[in-house]
């Protein structure tokens, strides 16, 4: 049969059909698919068909086999003069190089493709996003932001305000990560205007609004502004409800520069659950945090059956990190420990996840160690975490908790003062977080209390109360009230002590915060005894006994788990297996 330039040859269509049939079989028959594609070369096909076949072979070998050399060879041959092939080949080849840890080989491939793709809007935008992401993964956020800026301007010129907004929101996300707040504010204002004014596909418009609102909510939460964030969070939750009622079968955009979407609808739902959990955790609504975590984890399990996207594992780890902190507060240490072990297992499966979350993992273990009174291990965990993070908010959170360990140990004065100097809430506080600054005042108040400097302690604690009341930081409010109650009790001012401890108890049971309930009930017992209120003293003693028993049983259960051995791990990858122990190895005295 004579070769036709218009229509593909029947032999080519037949081989392509067979190849696709084998690739999409269940399970896929990759060897037969590769045979069909290789057979195309036997027919001496025209150069365009040859280039496309190299692309298809390279793509199948890269995604479905371990034959990386052959995949690379075919992808390199596919970078031809044919527009419909070369940009896709460049994109997949650079992805391949990154997987092989050859990032420096990936960059020039993408740069060259970006230079020559300006007449092909879809590929030009897609390659800019890809190179920006590559720089972001390398923590070169300046280069990533520059590329996203170029993309935003290109999309504006091409008449796609939707894709311009995607580039600008992505840039805003990186600027937030860099804490460049003076640049973030005008950018988010511009994005808000673009998103509101854009009249287009309803799903695309709502997904831009979700992206925009997620950035606003995380910005507030980073700043520890739990009350101020509420209107934004409410808008975000309404927005995701709107998206879930819209159908995906809308007409594709006519502008090729607009053929992008930020996240699949199902991923956005999980993300909104996640920021809701973050808010509930910070505000001290721990039962609400638990409810949304359960919903999100259930959704994630369903999604992971069909979707291997790495972002789902990241969502899962962040959710677990938050719920672990909730469990430690609500007196469920054994469950928290098993969830820490789950995070370890997820990190073992992905080196990138471990790199990004190792500091958080050691921080969580440090918090667990405090809850079971293993102060030496807590110190070792926090010290390990500090060496692994450059994130200012996390660093400040760790230092604050390490300072609390030194205060409890009572004999680490030099180290303690050195730490407190670095988180001085009155002078050059390292971060803009309202919540962390309030916590730093609390730590100062705690130290002054232990040193018997009660007036100074009251000043610090009133500052904490003022800040925590302003932003509804319930846990810090409860802790400050009960400590002030303790100070007034020591000073013999029983009425003022009662005015502090009663609301502290009510707030602690609403959160619920087990250790503050234990502390408040002990103080109420002593207070009522001192005032001669025998019945009330007896009731408070009974409450204290109940909390003590619950905490003690949980303590024994946690320390008996094989995962308890994790408290000794401070270096390298998390251990794979845990040896069961005969029983608890920690002091229970501090709980009673």
Protein backbone atom coordinates (compact mmCIF):
# COMPACT_ATOMS: atom_id res chain seq x y z
CA UNK A 1 0.00 0.00 0.00
CA UNK A 2 1.31 3.45 -0.93
CA UNK A 3 2.32 5.72 1.90
CA UNK A 4 -0.20 8.43 2.64
CA UNK A 5 0.80 11.82 4.05
CA UNK A 6 -2.72 12.74 5.22
CA UNK A 7 -3.97 9.73 7.14
CA UNK A 8 -1.93 7.33 9.34
CA UNK A 9 -1.15 3.95 7.78
CA UNK A 10 -3.48 1.06 8.79
CA UNK A 11 -0.49 -0.97 10.11
CA UNK A 12 0.42 1.95 12.38
CA UNK A 13 -3.10 2.32 13.75
CA UNK A 14 -3.31 -1.45 14.32
CA UNK A 15 -0.01 -1.59 16.25
CA UNK A 16 -0.95 1.50 18.25
CA UNK A 17 -4.34 -0.01 19.08
CA UNK A 18 -2.77 -3.28 20.25
CA UNK A 19 -0.15 -1.38 22.31
CA UNK A 20 -2.85 0.68 24.04
CA UNK A 21 -4.98 -2.44 24.61
CA UNK A 22 -2.06 -4.21 26.35
CA UNK A 23 -1.12 -1.06 28.37
CA UNK A 24 -4.65 -0.63 29.71
CA UNK A 25 -5.31 -4.35 30.34
CA UNK A 26 -5.91 -5.42 33.93
CA UNK A 27 -3.20 -6.18 34.91
CA UNK A 28 -1.23 -4.22 32.27
CA UNK A 29 0.76 -6.35 29.79
CA UNK A 30 3.69 -3.97 29.44
CA UNK A 31 6.05 -6.40 27.65
CA UNK A 32 3.51 -6.95 24.85
CA UNK A 33 2.77 -3.20 24.67
CA UNK A 34 6.52 -2.49 24.24
CA UNK A 35 6.77 -5.21 21.51
CA UNK A 36 3.94 -3.56 19.52
CA UNK A 37 5.55 -0.11 19.74
CA UNK A 38 8.99 -1.48 18.79
CA UNK A 39 7.39 -3.17 15.76
CA UNK A 40 6.54 0.29 14.37
CA UNK A 41 10.25 0.83 13.57
CA UNK A 42 10.23 -2.28 11.30
CA UNK A 43 8.03 -0.38 8.82
CA UNK A 44 10.54 2.52 8.43
CA UNK A 45 7.90 5.09 9.51
CA UNK A 46 8.00 8.81 8.60
CA UNK A 47 10.13 10.97 10.99
CA UNK A 48 7.10 12.39 12.90
CA UNK A 49 5.73 8.89 13.60
CA UNK A 50 9.23 7.70 14.56
CA UNK A 51 9.63 10.58 17.05
CA UNK A 52 6.17 9.99 18.58
CA UNK A 53 6.90 6.24 18.92
CA UNK A 54 10.17 7.00 20.75
CA UNK A 55 8.13 9.26 23.08
CA UNK A 56 5.51 6.55 23.69
CA UNK A 57 8.14 3.86 24.29
CA UNK A 58 10.17 6.11 26.60
CA UNK A 59 7.05 7.07 28.55
CA UNK A 60 5.84 3.44 28.96
CA UNK A 61 9.31 2.18 29.97
CA UNK A 62 9.78 5.05 32.44
CA UNK A 63 6.36 4.73 34.09
CA UNK A 64 5.92 0.94 34.07
CA UNK A 65 9.38 -0.73 34.11
CA UNK A 66 12.77 -0.45 35.78
CA UNK A 67 14.62 -0.32 32.43
CA UNK A 68 15.74 3.28 32.96
CA UNK A 69 18.58 3.25 30.40
CA UNK A 70 16.27 2.23 27.55
CA UNK A 71 13.61 4.72 28.72
CA UNK A 72 16.20 7.52 28.72
CA UNK A 73 17.49 6.54 25.26
CA UNK A 74 13.99 6.65 23.70
CA UNK A 75 13.03 9.94 25.44
CA UNK A 76 16.25 11.63 24.26
CA UNK A 77 15.58 10.46 20.68
CA UNK A 78 12.01 11.83 20.92
CA UNK A 79 13.21 15.44 21.35
CA UNK A 80 12.87 16.19 17.63
CA UNK A 81 11.82 19.14 15.51
CA UNK A 82 8.13 18.18 15.74
CA UNK A 83 6.20 20.51 18.04
CA UNK A 84 3.56 18.01 19.12
CA UNK A 85 6.30 15.64 20.32
CA UNK A 86 9.31 17.65 21.51
CA UNK A 87 7.65 19.58 24.38
CA UNK A 88 5.98 16.48 25.84
CA UNK A 89 9.28 14.59 25.45
CA UNK A 90 11.17 17.40 27.24
CA UNK A 91 8.62 17.37 30.07
CA UNK A 92 8.78 13.58 30.60
CA UNK A 93 12.58 13.44 30.13
CA UNK A 94 13.15 16.10 32.82
CA UNK A 95 10.72 14.22 35.11
CA UNK A 96 12.79 11.07 34.43
CA UNK A 97 16.07 12.91 35.21
CA UNK A 98 14.62 14.16 38.53
CA UNK A 99 13.57 10.63 39.48
CA UNK A 100 17.16 9.50 38.79
CA UNK A 101 18.44 12.39 40.99
CA UNK A 102 19.91 14.10 37.90
CA UNK A 103 18.28 17.48 38.58
CA UNK A 104 21.11 19.38 36.86
CA UNK A 105 20.38 17.47 33.66
CA UNK A 106 16.64 18.21 33.93
CA UNK A 107 16.95 22.01 34.17
CA UNK A 108 18.61 22.72 30.76
CA UNK A 109 16.09 20.42 29.01
CA UNK A 110 13.21 22.44 30.48
CA UNK A 111 14.90 25.82 29.91
CA UNK A 112 15.48 25.08 26.23
CA UNK A 113 11.90 23.84 25.78
CA UNK A 114 10.58 27.01 27.51
CA UNK A 115 12.64 29.22 25.17
CA UNK A 116 11.19 27.65 22.00
CA UNK A 117 7.59 27.04 23.14
CA UNK A 118 6.28 30.62 23.25
CA UNK A 119 4.02 29.99 20.25
CA UNK A 120 2.48 26.95 21.99
CA UNK A 121 0.67 28.43 25.03
CA UNK A 122 -0.31 25.17 26.77
CA UNK A 123 3.21 23.72 26.73
CA UNK A 124 4.89 27.05 27.51
CA UNK A 125 2.78 27.43 30.70
CA UNK A 126 3.10 23.78 31.67
CA UNK A 127 6.92 23.79 31.30
CA UNK A 128 7.18 27.03 33.33
CA UNK A 129 5.14 25.41 36.14
CA UNK A 130 7.36 22.30 35.94
CA UNK A 131 10.67 24.20 36.15
CA UNK A 132 9.30 26.40 38.96
CA UNK A 133 8.30 23.27 40.89
CA UNK A 134 11.76 21.79 40.37
CA UNK A 135 13.40 24.93 41.82
CA UNK A 136 10.90 24.93 44.72
CA UNK A 137 11.74 21.30 45.57
CA UNK A 138 15.41 22.33 45.70
CA UNK A 139 14.41 25.17 48.10
CA UNK A 140 15.50 27.76 45.49
CA UNK A 141 12.31 29.75 46.01
CA UNK A 142 13.69 32.94 44.43
CA UNK A 143 14.19 31.26 41.02
CA UNK A 144 10.80 29.52 41.37
CA UNK A 145 9.05 32.84 42.11
CA UNK A 146 10.77 34.51 39.12
CA UNK A 147 9.51 31.78 36.77
CA UNK A 148 5.98 31.99 38.17
CA UNK A 149 6.10 35.77 37.62
CA UNK A 150 7.14 35.19 33.98
CA UNK A 151 4.25 32.71 33.62
CA UNK A 152 1.74 35.18 35.08
CA UNK A 153 2.78 37.89 32.62
CA UNK A 154 2.72 35.45 29.68
CA UNK A 155 -0.79 34.25 30.65
CA UNK A 156 -1.96 37.89 30.88
CA UNK A 157 -0.63 38.60 27.35
CA UNK A 158 -2.30 35.39 26.09
CA UNK A 159 -5.61 36.59 27.53
CA UNK A 160 -5.99 33.89 30.21
CA UNK A 161 -6.74 35.61 33.54
CA UNK A 162 -7.50 32.16 35.00
CA UNK A 163 -3.96 30.84 34.36
CA UNK A 164 -2.50 34.21 35.40
CA UNK A 165 -4.27 33.75 38.76
CA UNK A 166 -2.87 30.19 39.06
CA UNK A 167 0.70 31.46 38.50
CA UNK A 168 0.23 34.35 40.96
CA UNK A 169 -1.37 32.17 43.66
CA UNK A 170 1.48 29.65 43.29
CA UNK A 171 3.94 32.53 43.71
CA UNK A 172 1.98 33.73 46.77
CA UNK A 173 2.26 30.24 48.27
CA UNK A 174 6.08 30.30 47.88
CA UNK A 175 6.34 33.84 49.28
CA UNK A 176 4.37 32.68 52.34
CA UNK A 177 6.82 29.79 52.73
CA UNK A 178 9.68 32.34 52.54
CA UNK A 179 7.89 34.63 55.09
CA UNK A 180 8.12 37.55 52.62
CA UNK A 181 4.96 39.06 54.08
CA UNK A 182 5.48 42.55 52.61
CA UNK A 183 5.32 40.97 49.11
CA UNK A 184 2.52 38.52 49.99
CA UNK A 185 -0.09 41.13 50.97
CA UNK A 186 -0.21 43.11 47.68
CA UNK A 187 -0.02 39.85 45.69
CA UNK A 188 -2.95 38.26 47.56
CA UNK A 189 -4.96 41.50 47.14
CA UNK A 190 -4.33 41.39 43.37
CA UNK A 191 -5.26 37.68 43.27
CA UNK A 192 -8.48 38.35 45.16
CA UNK A 193 -9.47 41.00 42.58
CA UNK A 194 -8.62 38.73 39.61
CA UNK A 195 -10.54 35.77 41.09
CA UNK A 196 -13.66 37.83 41.89
CA UNK A 197 -13.71 39.57 38.48
CA UNK A 198 -13.05 36.47 36.36
CA UNK A 199 -16.21 35.24 34.67
CA UNK A 200 -15.62 31.70 33.45
CA UNK A 201 -16.18 28.04 34.10
CA UNK A 202 -17.80 27.72 37.61
CA UNK A 203 -15.55 24.83 38.75
CA UNK A 204 -12.39 26.69 37.68
CA UNK A 205 -13.60 29.88 39.41
CA UNK A 206 -14.42 28.07 42.66
CA UNK A 207 -11.13 26.13 42.61
CA UNK A 208 -9.26 29.47 42.29
CA UNK A 209 -11.26 30.74 45.28
CA UNK A 210 -10.32 27.62 47.28
CA UNK A 211 -6.62 28.14 46.42
CA UNK A 212 -6.87 31.84 47.38
CA UNK A 213 -8.73 31.15 50.66
CA UNK A 214 -6.39 28.25 51.65
CA UNK A 215 -3.46 30.70 51.36
CA UNK A 216 -5.31 33.29 53.47
CA UNK A 217 -6.29 30.75 56.14
CA UNK A 218 -2.78 29.24 56.42
CA UNK A 219 -1.34 32.77 56.56
CA UNK A 220 -3.57 33.58 59.57
CA UNK A 221 -2.83 30.22 61.23
CA UNK A 222 0.93 30.71 60.74
CA UNK A 223 0.50 34.05 62.50
CA UNK A 224 -1.36 32.25 65.35
CA UNK A 225 -4.50 34.34 64.73
CA UNK A 226 -7.13 31.72 65.47
CA UNK A 227 -10.04 34.14 65.97
CA UNK A 228 -9.26 36.49 63.05
CA UNK A 229 -9.17 33.55 60.61
CA UNK A 230 -12.77 32.45 61.25
CA UNK A 231 -14.52 34.47 58.46
CA UNK A 232 -11.99 33.20 55.87
CA UNK A 233 -12.31 29.62 57.09
CA UNK A 234 -16.09 29.82 56.90
CA UNK A 235 -15.89 31.13 53.31
CA UNK A 236 -13.52 28.30 52.44
CA UNK A 237 -15.87 25.66 53.87
CA UNK A 238 -18.82 27.17 51.93
CA UNK A 239 -16.71 27.25 48.77
CA UNK A 240 -15.85 23.53 48.97
CA UNK A 241 -19.54 22.73 49.49
CA UNK A 242 -20.34 24.67 46.30
CA UNK A 243 -17.64 22.79 44.37
CA UNK A 244 -18.94 19.41 45.51
CA UNK A 245 -22.35 20.23 43.94
CA UNK A 246 -20.86 21.22 40.54
CA UNK A 247 -20.41 18.65 37.76
CA UNK A 248 -17.04 18.03 36.13
CA UNK A 249 -18.46 17.44 32.65
CA UNK A 250 -18.22 21.09 31.62
CA UNK A 251 -16.91 22.31 28.23
CA UNK A 252 -13.13 22.58 28.01
CA UNK A 253 -11.70 26.13 27.85
CA UNK A 254 -11.15 27.43 24.30
CA UNK A 255 -7.90 29.17 25.30
CA UNK A 256 -5.09 26.54 25.30
CA UNK A 257 -3.29 28.58 28.00
CA UNK A 258 -6.20 27.81 30.37
CA UNK A 259 -6.07 24.00 30.19
CA UNK A 260 -4.89 23.66 33.80
CA UNK A 261 -6.45 22.95 37.14
CA UNK A 262 -4.98 23.42 40.58
CA UNK A 263 -6.04 20.24 42.37
CA UNK A 264 -8.67 17.55 41.76
CA UNK A 265 -11.95 18.25 43.58
CA UNK A 266 -11.41 15.29 45.97
CA UNK A 267 -7.94 16.55 46.95
CA UNK A 268 -9.38 20.01 47.66
CA UNK A 269 -11.96 18.46 50.03
CA UNK A 270 -9.18 16.75 52.03
CA UNK A 271 -7.18 19.99 52.08
CA UNK A 272 -10.14 21.94 53.52
CA UNK A 273 -10.60 19.25 56.20
CA UNK A 274 -6.88 19.59 56.92
CA UNK A 275 -6.87 23.37 57.46
CA UNK A 276 -10.03 22.99 59.60
CA UNK A 277 -8.13 20.46 61.78
CA UNK A 278 -5.18 22.88 62.02
CA UNK A 279 -7.55 25.62 63.18
CA UNK A 280 -9.37 23.40 65.70
CA UNK A 281 -6.04 22.18 67.12
CA UNK A 282 -4.68 25.72 67.59
CA UNK A 283 -7.95 27.02 69.05
CA UNK A 284 -8.29 24.08 71.43
CA UNK A 285 -11.47 22.53 69.99
CA UNK A 286 -9.97 19.06 70.14
CA UNK A 287 -13.15 17.00 69.68
CA UNK A 288 -13.87 18.96 66.51
CA UNK A 289 -10.28 18.34 65.35
CA UNK A 290 -10.81 14.62 65.98
CA UNK A 291 -14.09 14.61 64.00
CA UNK A 292 -12.57 16.30 60.94
CA UNK A 293 -9.41 14.17 61.09
CA UNK A 294 -11.52 11.01 61.00
CA UNK A 295 -13.45 12.32 57.97
CA UNK A 296 -10.27 13.35 56.15
CA UNK A 297 -8.42 10.08 56.85
CA UNK A 298 -11.41 8.07 55.62
CA UNK A 299 -11.49 10.11 52.41
CA UNK A 300 -7.71 9.68 52.02
CA UNK A 301 -7.93 5.90 52.37
CA UNK A 302 -10.50 5.80 49.55
CA UNK A 303 -8.43 8.10 47.33
CA UNK A 304 -5.19 6.18 47.91
CA UNK A 305 -6.77 3.00 46.52
CA UNK A 306 -7.09 4.69 43.12
CA UNK A 307 -4.49 7.45 43.19
CA UNK A 308 -0.77 7.21 44.02
CA UNK A 309 -0.25 10.99 44.07
CA UNK A 310 2.46 11.83 46.67
CA UNK A 311 0.43 14.83 47.91
CA UNK A 312 -2.04 12.40 49.52
CA UNK A 313 0.70 10.93 51.76
CA UNK A 314 1.75 14.48 52.68
CA UNK A 315 -1.85 15.32 53.65
CA UNK A 316 -2.01 12.10 55.69
CA UNK A 317 1.22 12.88 57.60
CA UNK A 318 0.14 16.46 58.40
CA UNK A 319 -3.26 15.24 59.63
CA UNK A 320 -1.60 12.62 61.82
CA UNK A 321 0.87 15.20 63.21
CA UNK A 322 -2.05 17.35 64.37
CA UNK A 323 -4.17 14.55 65.77
CA UNK A 324 -1.15 13.17 67.69
CA UNK A 325 -0.83 16.53 69.49
CA UNK A 326 -4.58 16.41 70.25
CA UNK A 327 -4.29 12.90 71.71
CA UNK A 328 -1.41 13.92 74.00
CA UNK A 329 -3.54 16.77 75.36
CA UNK A 330 -6.72 14.68 75.79
CA UNK A 331 -4.84 11.93 77.66
CA UNK A 332 -4.63 9.28 74.93
CA UNK A 333 -0.86 8.72 74.89
CA UNK A 334 -0.97 5.07 73.77
CA UNK A 335 -3.01 5.98 70.66
CA UNK A 336 -0.71 8.96 69.99
CA UNK A 337 2.32 6.67 70.13
CA UNK A 338 0.79 4.22 67.63
CA UNK A 339 0.03 7.15 65.31
CA UNK A 340 3.63 8.40 65.64
CA UNK A 341 4.68 4.91 64.54
CA UNK A 342 2.28 5.23 61.56
CA UNK A 343 4.00 8.50 60.54
CA UNK A 344 7.36 6.69 60.79
CA UNK A 345 6.09 3.99 58.41
CA UNK A 346 4.81 6.57 55.90
CA UNK A 347 8.19 8.35 56.04
CA UNK A 348 10.05 5.07 55.46
CA UNK A 349 8.16 4.69 52.17
CA UNK A 350 9.20 8.14 50.90
CA UNK A 351 12.63 9.74 51.42
CA UNK A 352 11.16 13.16 50.48
CA UNK A 353 8.44 12.88 53.13
CA UNK A 354 11.06 11.94 55.73
CA UNK A 355 13.30 14.88 54.78
CA UNK A 356 10.35 17.29 55.09
CA UNK A 357 8.89 15.82 58.30
CA UNK A 358 11.85 14.43 60.32
CA UNK A 359 11.98 17.52 62.58
CA UNK A 360 8.22 17.33 63.24
CA UNK A 361 8.51 13.60 64.01
CA UNK A 362 11.22 14.19 66.65
CA UNK A 363 9.19 17.12 68.04
CA UNK A 364 6.13 14.86 68.46
CA UNK A 365 8.30 12.23 70.18
CA UNK A 366 9.61 14.99 72.47
CA UNK A 367 6.04 15.97 73.39
CA UNK A 368 5.20 12.30 74.01
CA UNK A 369 8.29 11.97 76.26
CA UNK A 370 7.13 14.97 78.33
CA UNK A 371 3.68 13.34 78.72
CA UNK A 372 5.25 10.13 80.12
CA UNK A 373 7.80 12.06 82.21
CA UNK A 374 10.91 10.89 80.29
CA UNK A 375 12.63 14.28 80.45
CA UNK A 376 16.11 13.15 79.29
CA UNK A 377 14.55 11.57 76.18
CA UNK A 378 12.42 14.66 75.62
CA UNK A 379 15.54 16.82 75.67
CA UNK A 380 17.31 14.48 73.21
CA UNK A 381 14.28 14.49 70.85
CA UNK A 382 13.92 18.29 70.86
CA UNK A 383 17.68 18.74 70.38
CA UNK A 384 17.59 16.37 67.38
CA UNK A 385 14.56 18.26 65.95
CA UNK A 386 16.30 21.64 66.29
CA UNK A 387 19.23 20.38 64.19
CA UNK A 388 16.83 19.31 61.42
CA UNK A 389 14.75 22.43 60.87
CA UNK A 390 15.27 25.87 59.39
CA UNK A 391 11.54 26.69 59.71
CA UNK A 392 11.33 29.60 62.15
CA UNK A 393 7.88 28.82 63.61
CA UNK A 394 8.75 25.15 64.22
CA UNK A 395 12.13 26.16 65.69
CA UNK A 396 10.38 28.55 68.13
CA UNK A 397 7.79 25.90 69.06
CA UNK A 398 10.58 23.37 69.82
CA UNK A 399 12.63 25.87 71.86
CA UNK A 400 9.52 26.79 73.90
CA UNK A 401 8.90 23.12 74.74
CA UNK A 402 12.58 22.44 75.47
CA UNK A 403 12.55 25.40 77.87
CA UNK A 404 9.59 23.79 79.68
CA UNK A 405 11.67 20.59 80.03
CA UNK A 406 14.58 22.52 81.56
CA UNK A 407 12.18 24.31 83.97
CA UNK A 408 10.78 20.95 85.15
CA UNK A 409 14.27 19.47 85.59
CA UNK A 410 15.18 22.46 87.75
CA UNK A 411 18.96 22.14 87.40
CA UNK A 412 19.68 23.40 83.86
CA UNK A 413 19.86 27.13 84.56
CA UNK A 414 22.56 28.09 82.05
CA UNK A 415 20.93 26.23 79.13
CA UNK A 416 17.49 27.55 80.14
CA UNK A 417 18.55 31.22 80.22
CA UNK A 418 20.33 30.83 76.91
CA UNK A 419 17.08 29.49 75.35
CA UNK A 420 14.84 32.11 76.95
CA UNK A 421 17.07 34.87 75.59
CA UNK A 422 16.31 33.60 72.07
CA UNK A 423 12.52 33.60 72.59
CA UNK A 424 12.11 36.81 74.56
CA UNK A 425 8.49 37.92 73.96
CA UNK A 426 9.30 41.50 75.03
CA UNK A 427 12.24 42.00 72.68
CA UNK A 428 13.09 40.79 69.13
CA UNK A 429 10.76 37.77 69.20
CA UNK A 430 11.92 35.54 66.29
CA UNK A 431 8.52 35.06 64.58
CA UNK A 432 5.31 37.04 64.01
CA UNK A 433 3.12 34.25 65.46
CA UNK A 434 0.66 35.63 68.02
CA UNK A 435 0.17 32.16 69.52
CA UNK A 436 3.90 31.39 69.97
CA UNK A 437 4.56 34.82 71.51
CA UNK A 438 1.71 34.21 73.99
CA UNK A 439 3.27 30.81 74.80
CA UNK A 440 6.66 32.47 75.38
CA UNK A 441 5.06 34.76 77.99
CA UNK A 442 3.53 31.66 79.64
CA UNK A 443 6.95 29.93 79.83
CA UNK A 444 8.40 33.05 81.50
CA UNK A 445 5.48 33.01 83.95
CA UNK A 446 6.06 29.32 84.71
CA UNK A 447 9.77 29.92 85.45
CA UNK A 448 9.02 32.93 87.69
CA UNK A 449 6.43 30.81 89.56
CA UNK A 450 8.98 28.04 90.23
CA UNK A 451 11.49 30.66 91.39
CA UNK A 452 8.91 32.13 93.81
CA UNK A 453 8.86 35.50 91.99
CA UNK A 454 5.07 35.72 92.08
CA UNK A 455 4.50 39.34 91.02
CA UNK A 456 6.72 38.87 87.98
CA UNK A 457 4.91 35.58 87.20
CA UNK A 458 1.55 37.38 87.38
CA UNK A 459 2.74 40.04 84.91
CA UNK A 460 3.80 37.42 82.36
CA UNK A 461 0.67 35.32 82.81
CA UNK A 462 -1.65 38.34 82.46
CA UNK A 463 0.12 39.12 79.20
CA UNK A 464 -0.52 35.52 78.06
CA UNK A 465 -4.18 35.82 79.07
CA UNK A 466 -4.60 39.12 77.23
CA UNK A 467 -3.11 37.63 74.04
CA UNK A 468 -4.87 34.26 74.27
CA UNK A 469 -8.27 35.89 74.95
CA UNK A 470 -7.80 38.19 71.95
CA UNK A 471 -7.43 35.18 69.60
CA UNK A 472 -9.44 32.45 71.42
CA UNK A 473 -6.38 30.33 72.29
CA UNK A 474 -8.28 28.13 74.73
CA UNK A 475 -5.45 25.89 75.93
CA UNK A 476 -3.12 28.78 76.76
CA UNK A 477 -6.02 30.54 78.52
CA UNK A 478 -6.75 27.43 80.63
CA UNK A 479 -3.05 26.90 81.51
CA UNK A 480 -2.58 30.57 82.45
CA UNK A 481 -5.73 30.66 84.60
CA UNK A 482 -4.80 27.55 86.58
CA UNK A 483 -1.23 28.77 87.14
CA UNK A 484 -2.51 32.18 88.28
CA UNK A 485 -4.94 30.31 90.56
CA UNK A 486 -1.98 28.43 92.02
CA UNK A 487 -0.06 31.68 92.62
CA UNK A 488 -3.01 33.32 94.40
CA UNK A 489 -3.46 30.16 96.51
CA UNK A 490 0.22 30.24 97.57
CA UNK A 491 -0.19 33.96 98.42
CA UNK A 492 -3.25 33.12 100.56
CA UNK A 493 -5.71 34.99 98.33
CA UNK A 494 -8.30 32.21 98.19
CA UNK A 495 -11.14 34.16 96.59
CA UNK A 496 -8.95 35.30 93.66
CA UNK A 497 -7.55 31.79 93.35
CA UNK A 498 -11.10 30.43 93.08
CA UNK A 499 -11.95 33.07 90.43
CA UNK A 500 -9.09 31.67 88.32
CA UNK A 501 -9.36 27.93 88.86
CA UNK A 502 -13.13 27.53 88.29
CA UNK A 503 -13.09 28.97 84.71
CA UNK A 504 -9.82 27.07 84.10
CA UNK A 505 -11.58 23.82 85.01
CA UNK A 506 -14.60 24.64 82.82
CA UNK A 507 -12.38 25.48 79.84
CA UNK A 508 -10.16 22.42 80.39
CA UNK A 509 -13.19 20.09 80.36
CA UNK A 510 -14.50 21.79 77.19
CA UNK A 511 -11.19 21.30 75.32
CA UNK A 512 -10.74 18.59 76.93
CA UNK A 513 -7.23 18.99 78.40
CA UNK A 514 -6.50 16.12 80.76
CA UNK A 515 -3.41 17.49 82.52
CA UNK A 516 -5.04 20.90 83.18
CA UNK A 517 -8.10 19.06 84.57
CA UNK A 518 -5.79 17.04 86.86
CA UNK A 519 -3.98 20.19 88.00
CA UNK A 520 -7.23 22.21 88.46
CA UNK A 521 -8.94 19.45 90.48
CA UNK A 522 -5.90 19.17 92.79
CA UNK A 523 -5.94 22.92 93.32
CA UNK A 524 -9.72 22.97 93.88
CA UNK A 525 -9.35 20.21 96.48
CA UNK A 526 -6.70 22.19 98.43
CA UNK A 527 -8.59 25.46 98.01
CA UNK A 528 -11.89 24.07 99.35
CA UNK A 529 -10.05 22.34 102.17
CA UNK A 530 -8.38 25.60 103.16
CA UNK A 531 -11.75 27.41 103.04
CA UNK A 532 -13.43 24.67 105.12
CA UNK A 533 -15.76 23.56 102.28
CA UNK A 534 -15.62 19.85 103.16
CA UNK A 535 -18.20 18.67 100.63
CA UNK A 536 -16.65 20.58 97.72
CA UNK A 537 -13.17 19.43 98.78
CA UNK A 538 -14.38 15.81 98.78
CA UNK A 539 -15.94 16.23 95.31
CA UNK A 540 -12.73 17.80 93.92
CA UNK A 541 -10.67 14.99 95.51
CA UNK A 542 -12.89 12.42 93.79
CA UNK A 543 -12.46 14.20 90.44
CA UNK A 544 -8.71 14.32 90.95
CA UNK A 545 -8.67 10.61 91.76
CA UNK A 546 -10.62 9.80 88.56
CA UNK A 547 -8.32 11.88 86.34
CA UNK A 548 -5.26 10.34 88.03
CA UNK A 549 -6.53 6.82 87.39
CA UNK A 550 -7.33 7.50 83.73
CA UNK A 551 -3.92 9.09 83.13
CA UNK A 552 -2.11 6.35 85.02
CA UNK A 553 -3.78 3.55 83.05
CA UNK A 554 -3.02 5.31 79.77
CA UNK A 555 0.56 5.92 80.92
CA UNK A 556 1.10 2.22 81.67
CA UNK A 557 -0.53 1.20 78.37
CA UNK A 558 1.70 3.58 76.36
CA UNK A 559 4.96 2.59 78.08
CA UNK A 560 4.14 -1.12 77.59
CA UNK A 561 3.85 -0.75 73.81
CA UNK A 562 6.82 -1.89 71.69
CA UNK A 563 6.65 1.53 69.94
CA UNK A 564 7.70 3.15 73.23
CA UNK A 565 11.28 2.27 72.19
CA UNK A 566 11.01 5.05 69.62
CA UNK A 567 11.88 7.53 72.39
CA UNK A 568 15.53 6.38 72.07
CA UNK A 569 15.70 7.03 68.29
CA UNK A 570 17.37 10.38 67.55
CA UNK A 571 19.35 9.76 64.38
CA UNK A 572 18.91 8.49 60.80
CA UNK A 573 15.80 6.80 59.40
CA UNK A 574 13.14 5.61 61.87
CA UNK A 575 13.64 2.02 63.05
CA UNK A 576 11.53 -0.50 61.13
CA UNK A 577 10.55 -2.85 63.96
CA UNK A 578 10.13 -2.45 67.68
CA UNK A 579 11.02 -4.98 70.36
CA UNK A 580 8.23 -5.47 72.93
CA UNK A 581 9.07 -4.44 76.47
CA UNK A 582 8.13 -6.15 79.71
CA UNK A 583 6.64 -3.08 81.26
CA UNK A 584 6.90 0.66 81.81
CA UNK A 585 10.35 2.11 82.38
CA UNK A 586 9.31 5.58 83.45
CA UNK A 587 8.57 7.37 86.68
CA UNK A 588 4.86 7.78 87.40
CA UNK A 589 5.39 10.05 90.38
CA UNK A 590 4.77 13.32 88.55
CA UNK A 591 1.27 12.21 87.57
CA UNK A 592 -0.12 11.59 91.03
